[in-house]
Amino acid sequence: MKRMSLKEAKAGLEARLPEIETFPNQFPGYEIRIDVPEFTSVCPKTGLPDFGAITIRYVPRNGCLELKSLKEYILAYRNLGIFYENAVNRILEDVVKACKPAQAAVTGEFTPRGGIQSRVEARYPRTRRLSGI
């Protein structure tokens, strides 16, 4: 079995993307859900486009994500070579960095390719072990 290089595996993780802006949160104890139904990126191995839907859920503390800047951030993935798993985890990391939520989750549901459909979910705070697997 051939293994991919570390360079391919890390593709897109260090790319410079637009900053996600925030605004001050006014209320405690609620969840925000943002759906991005037309997410696109590029497979770093094949160079072919990847399509999917991204859902961002978070419980804000002091800041909320500003949607126009989030849209510009998400659109920057369009030409970025990055694996599904890395895209979902990078989005989570960037959301957490931007607004420092109490909790957050990013889910990516990607269209089937070669008869296989992928769903990737990353959560904050991070845990070492997933239960139920």
C-alpha atoms as a PDB file:
ATOM      1  CA  MET A   1       0.000   0.000   0.000  1.00  0.00           C
ATOM      2  CA  LYS A   2       1.365   3.396  -0.979  1.00  0.00           C
ATOM      3  CA  ARG A   3       1.385   6.122   1.680  1.00  0.00           C
ATOM      4  CA  MET A   4       0.987   9.777   0.849  1.00  0.00           C
ATOM      5  CA  SER A   5       3.740  12.184   1.649  1.00  0.00           C
ATOM      6  CA  LEU A   6       3.606  14.413   4.697  1.00  0.00           C
ATOM      7  CA  LYS A   7       3.523  17.382   2.316  1.00  0.00           C
ATOM      8  CA  GLU A   8       0.260  16.085   0.736  1.00  0.00           C
ATOM      9  CA  ALA A   9      -1.179  15.246   4.154  1.00  0.00           C
ATOM     10  CA  LYS A  10      -0.501  18.782   5.449  1.00  0.00           C
ATOM     11  CA  ALA A  11      -1.643  20.551   2.281  1.00  0.00           C
ATOM     12  CA  GLY A  12      -3.641  23.697   2.982  1.00  0.00           C
ATOM     13  CA  LEU A  13      -3.054  23.799   6.723  1.00  0.00           C
ATOM     14  CA  GLU A  14      -0.611  26.714   6.621  1.00  0.00           C
ATOM     15  CA  ALA A  15      -2.208  28.650   3.744  1.00  0.00           C
ATOM     16  CA  ARG A  16      -2.989  32.294   4.443  1.00  0.00           C
ATOM     17  CA  LEU A  17      -6.772  32.845   4.491  1.00  0.00           C
ATOM     18  CA  PRO A  18      -8.888  35.963   5.095  1.00  0.00           C
ATOM     19  CA  GLU A  19      -9.396  36.880   8.742  1.00  0.00           C
ATOM     20  CA  ILE A  20     -12.733  36.026  10.349  1.00  0.00           C
ATOM     21  CA  GLU A  21     -14.064  39.134  12.085  1.00  0.00           C
ATOM     22  CA  THR A  22     -16.278  39.175  15.173  1.00  0.00           C
ATOM     23  CA  PHE A  23     -18.643  41.510  16.977  1.00  0.00           C
ATOM     24  CA  PRO A  24     -19.436  41.670  20.720  1.00  0.00           C
ATOM     25  CA  ASN A  25     -21.942  39.097  21.977  1.00  0.00           C
ATOM     26  CA  GLN A  26     -24.876  40.567  23.908  1.00  0.00           C
ATOM     27  CA  PHE A  27     -26.497  37.450  25.432  1.00  0.00           C
ATOM     28  CA  PRO A  28     -25.483  34.350  27.419  1.00  0.00           C
ATOM     29  CA  GLY A  29     -26.285  30.688  26.890  1.00  0.00           C
ATOM     30  CA  TYR A  30     -27.410  30.193  23.287  1.00  0.00           C
ATOM     31  CA  GLU A  31     -26.146  28.381  20.192  1.00  0.00           C
ATOM     32  CA  ILE A  32     -25.538  29.784  16.732  1.00  0.00           C
ATOM     33  CA  ARG A  33     -25.705  27.504  13.688  1.00  0.00           C
ATOM     34  CA  ILE A  34     -24.308  28.583  10.326  1.00  0.00           C
ATOM     35  CA  ASP A  35     -24.899  26.449   7.213  1.00  0.00           C
ATOM     36  CA  VAL A  36     -22.652  26.719   4.174  1.00  0.00           C
ATOM     37  CA  PRO A  37     -24.388  24.527   1.549  1.00  0.00           C
ATOM     38  CA  GLU A  38     -21.929  25.168  -1.301  1.00  0.00           C
ATOM     39  CA  PHE A  39     -18.448  24.577   0.104  1.00  0.00           C
ATOM     40  CA  THR A  40     -15.730  23.831  -2.454  1.00  0.00           C
ATOM     41  CA  SER A  41     -12.035  23.046  -2.233  1.00  0.00           C
ATOM     42  CA  VAL A  42      -9.496  21.086  -4.272  1.00  0.00           C
ATOM     43  CA  CYS A  43      -8.148  17.600  -3.586  1.00  0.00           C
ATOM     44  CA  PRO A  44      -4.376  17.989  -3.095  1.00  0.00           C
ATOM     45  CA  LYS A  45      -3.734  14.511  -4.514  1.00  0.00           C
ATOM     46  CA  THR A  46      -5.831  14.624  -7.700  1.00  0.00           C
ATOM     47  CA  GLY A  47      -6.316  18.362  -8.238  1.00  0.00           C
ATOM     48  CA  LEU A  48     -10.041  17.728  -8.760  1.00  0.00           C
ATOM     49  CA  PRO A  49     -12.699  19.875  -7.079  1.00  0.00           C
ATOM     50  CA  ASP A  50     -14.380  18.705  -3.893  1.00  0.00           C
ATOM     51  CA  PHE A  51     -17.924  19.764  -3.030  1.00  0.00           C
ATOM     52  CA  GLY A  52     -19.823  19.629   0.209  1.00  0.00           C
ATOM     53  CA  ALA A  53     -21.775  21.381   2.913  1.00  0.00           C
ATOM     54  CA  ILE A  54     -20.240  22.818   6.069  1.00  0.00           C
ATOM     55  CA  THR A  55     -22.177  23.405   9.288  1.00  0.00           C
ATOM     56  CA  ILE A  56     -20.668  25.541  12.039  1.00  0.00           C
ATOM     57  CA  ARG A  57     -22.303  25.415  15.478  1.00  0.00           C
ATOM     58  CA  TYR A  58     -20.999  27.366  18.440  1.00  0.00           C
ATOM     59  CA  VAL A  59     -21.959  28.769  21.827  1.00  0.00           C
ATOM     60  CA  PRO A  60     -20.547  32.307  21.931  1.00  0.00           C
ATOM     61  CA  ARG A  61     -18.835  33.827  24.918  1.00  0.00           C
ATOM     62  CA  ASN A  62     -17.715  37.383  24.221  1.00  0.00           C
ATOM     63  CA  GLY A  63     -17.802  37.423  20.425  1.00  0.00           C
ATOM     64  CA  CYS A  64     -19.942  36.294  17.480  1.00  0.00           C
ATOM     65  CA  LEU A  65     -18.707  35.556  13.974  1.00  0.00           C
ATOM     66  CA  GLU A  66     -19.385  38.332  11.468  1.00  0.00           C
ATOM     67  CA  LEU A  67     -20.973  36.620   8.457  1.00  0.00           C
ATOM     68  CA  LYS A  68     -19.527  38.671   5.580  1.00  0.00           C
ATOM     69  CA  SER A  69     -15.961  37.992   6.704  1.00  0.00           C
ATOM     70  CA  LEU A  70     -16.854  34.331   7.312  1.00  0.00           C
ATOM     71  CA  LYS A  71     -18.159  34.109   3.743  1.00  0.00           C
ATOM     72  CA  GLU A  72     -14.910  35.565   2.379  1.00  0.00           C
ATOM     73  CA  TYR A  73     -12.954  33.113   4.531  1.00  0.00           C
ATOM     74  CA  ILE A  74     -14.984  30.116   3.281  1.00  0.00           C
ATOM     75  CA  LEU A  75     -14.713  31.266  -0.363  1.00  0.00           C
ATOM     76  CA  ALA A  76     -10.910  31.224  -0.037  1.00  0.00           C
ATOM     77  CA  TYR A  77     -11.072  27.410   0.145  1.00  0.00           C
ATOM     78  CA  ARG A  78     -12.366  27.300  -3.446  1.00  0.00           C
ATOM     79  CA  ASN A  79      -8.840  27.084  -4.955  1.00  0.00           C
ATOM     80  CA  LEU A  80      -7.072  25.623  -1.926  1.00  0.00           C
ATOM     81  CA  GLY A  81      -5.635  22.115  -2.098  1.00  0.00           C
ATOM     82  CA  ILE A  82      -6.737  20.531   1.205  1.00  0.00           C
ATOM     83  CA  PHE A  83      -8.186  17.188   2.331  1.00  0.00           C
ATOM     84  CA  TYR A  84     -11.731  17.077   3.791  1.00  0.00           C
ATOM     85  CA  GLU A  85     -10.447  16.203   7.245  1.00  0.00           C
ATOM     86  CA  ASN A  86      -7.982  19.080   7.235  1.00  0.00           C
ATOM     87  CA  ALA A  87     -10.562  21.565   5.963  1.00  0.00           C
ATOM     88  CA  VAL A  88     -13.052  20.741   8.728  1.00  0.00           C
ATOM     89  CA  ASN A  89     -10.398  20.835  11.446  1.00  0.00           C
ATOM     90  CA  ARG A  90      -8.832  24.034  10.093  1.00  0.00           C
ATOM     91  CA  ILE A  91     -12.231  25.769   9.991  1.00  0.00           C
ATOM     92  CA  LEU A  92     -12.817  24.733  13.606  1.00  0.00           C
ATOM     93  CA  GLU A  93      -9.396  26.011  14.681  1.00  0.00           C
ATOM     94  CA  ASP A  94      -9.931  29.337  12.892  1.00  0.00           C
ATOM     95  CA  VAL A  95     -13.447  29.790  14.350  1.00  0.00           C
ATOM     96  CA  VAL A  96     -12.117  29.102  17.858  1.00  0.00           C
ATOM     97  CA  LYS A  97      -9.212  31.503  17.317  1.00  0.00           C
ATOM     98  CA  ALA A  98     -11.576  34.224  16.078  1.00  0.00           C
ATOM     99  CA  CYS A  99     -14.346  34.157  18.692  1.00  0.00           C
ATOM    100  CA  LYS A 100     -13.139  31.915  21.559  1.00  0.00           C
ATOM    101  CA  PRO A 101     -16.508  30.164  22.031  1.00  0.00           C
ATOM    102  CA  ALA A 102     -17.556  28.081  25.013  1.00  0.00           C
ATOM    103  CA  GLN A 103     -18.206  25.183  22.603  1.00  0.00           C
ATOM    104  CA  ALA A 104     -18.015  24.685  18.865  1.00  0.00           C
ATOM    105  CA  ALA A 105     -18.441  21.996  16.246  1.00  0.00           C
ATOM    106  CA  VAL A 106     -17.802  21.994  12.522  1.00  0.00           C
ATOM    107  CA  THR A 107     -19.308  19.293  10.326  1.00  0.00           C
ATOM    108  CA  GLY A 108     -18.487  18.700   6.683  1.00  0.00           C
ATOM    109  CA  GLU A 109     -20.714  16.498   4.534  1.00  0.00           C
ATOM    110  CA  PHE A 110     -19.030  15.937   1.200  1.00  0.00           C
ATOM    111  CA  THR A 111     -20.626  14.742  -2.029  1.00  0.00           C
ATOM    112  CA  PRO A 112     -19.900  11.166  -3.065  1.00  0.00           C
ATOM    113  CA  ARG A 113     -16.811  10.501  -5.110  1.00  0.00           C
ATOM    114  CA  GLY A 114     -16.136   7.033  -6.430  1.00  0.00           C
ATOM    115  CA  GLY A 115     -19.148   5.699  -4.547  1.00  0.00           C
ATOM    116  CA  ILE A 116     -17.902   6.935  -1.161  1.00  0.00           C
ATOM    117  CA  GLN A 117     -19.443   9.779   0.813  1.00  0.00           C
ATOM    118  CA  SER A 118     -17.569  11.359   3.718  1.00  0.00           C
ATOM    119  CA  ARG A 119     -18.834  13.162   6.807  1.00  0.00           C
ATOM    120  CA  VAL A 120     -16.254  14.756   9.092  1.00  0.00           C
ATOM    121  CA  GLU A 121     -16.974  16.427  12.435  1.00  0.00           C
ATOM    122  CA  ALA A 122     -14.544  18.232  14.727  1.00  0.00           C
ATOM    123  CA  ARG A 123     -15.453  19.608  18.161  1.00  0.00           C
ATOM    124  CA  TYR A 124     -14.114  22.147  20.614  1.00  0.00           C
ATOM    125  CA  PRO A 125     -13.037  21.766  23.309  1.00  0.00           C
ATOM    126  CA  ARG A 126     -10.876  19.032  21.863  1.00  0.00           C
ATOM    127  CA  THR A 127     -10.931  15.586  23.433  1.00  0.00           C
ATOM    128  CA  ARG A 128      -8.309  12.886  23.133  1.00  0.00           C
ATOM    129  CA  ARG A 129     -10.803  10.053  22.721  1.00  0.00           C
ATOM    130  CA  LEU A 130     -14.141   9.878  20.948  1.00  0.00           C
ATOM    131  CA  SER A 131     -16.880   7.940  22.698  1.00  0.00           C
ATOM    132  CA  GLY A 132     -19.180   5.635  20.776  1.00  0.00           C
ATOM    133  CA  ILE A 133     -16.634   4.476  18.201  1.00  0.00           C
END
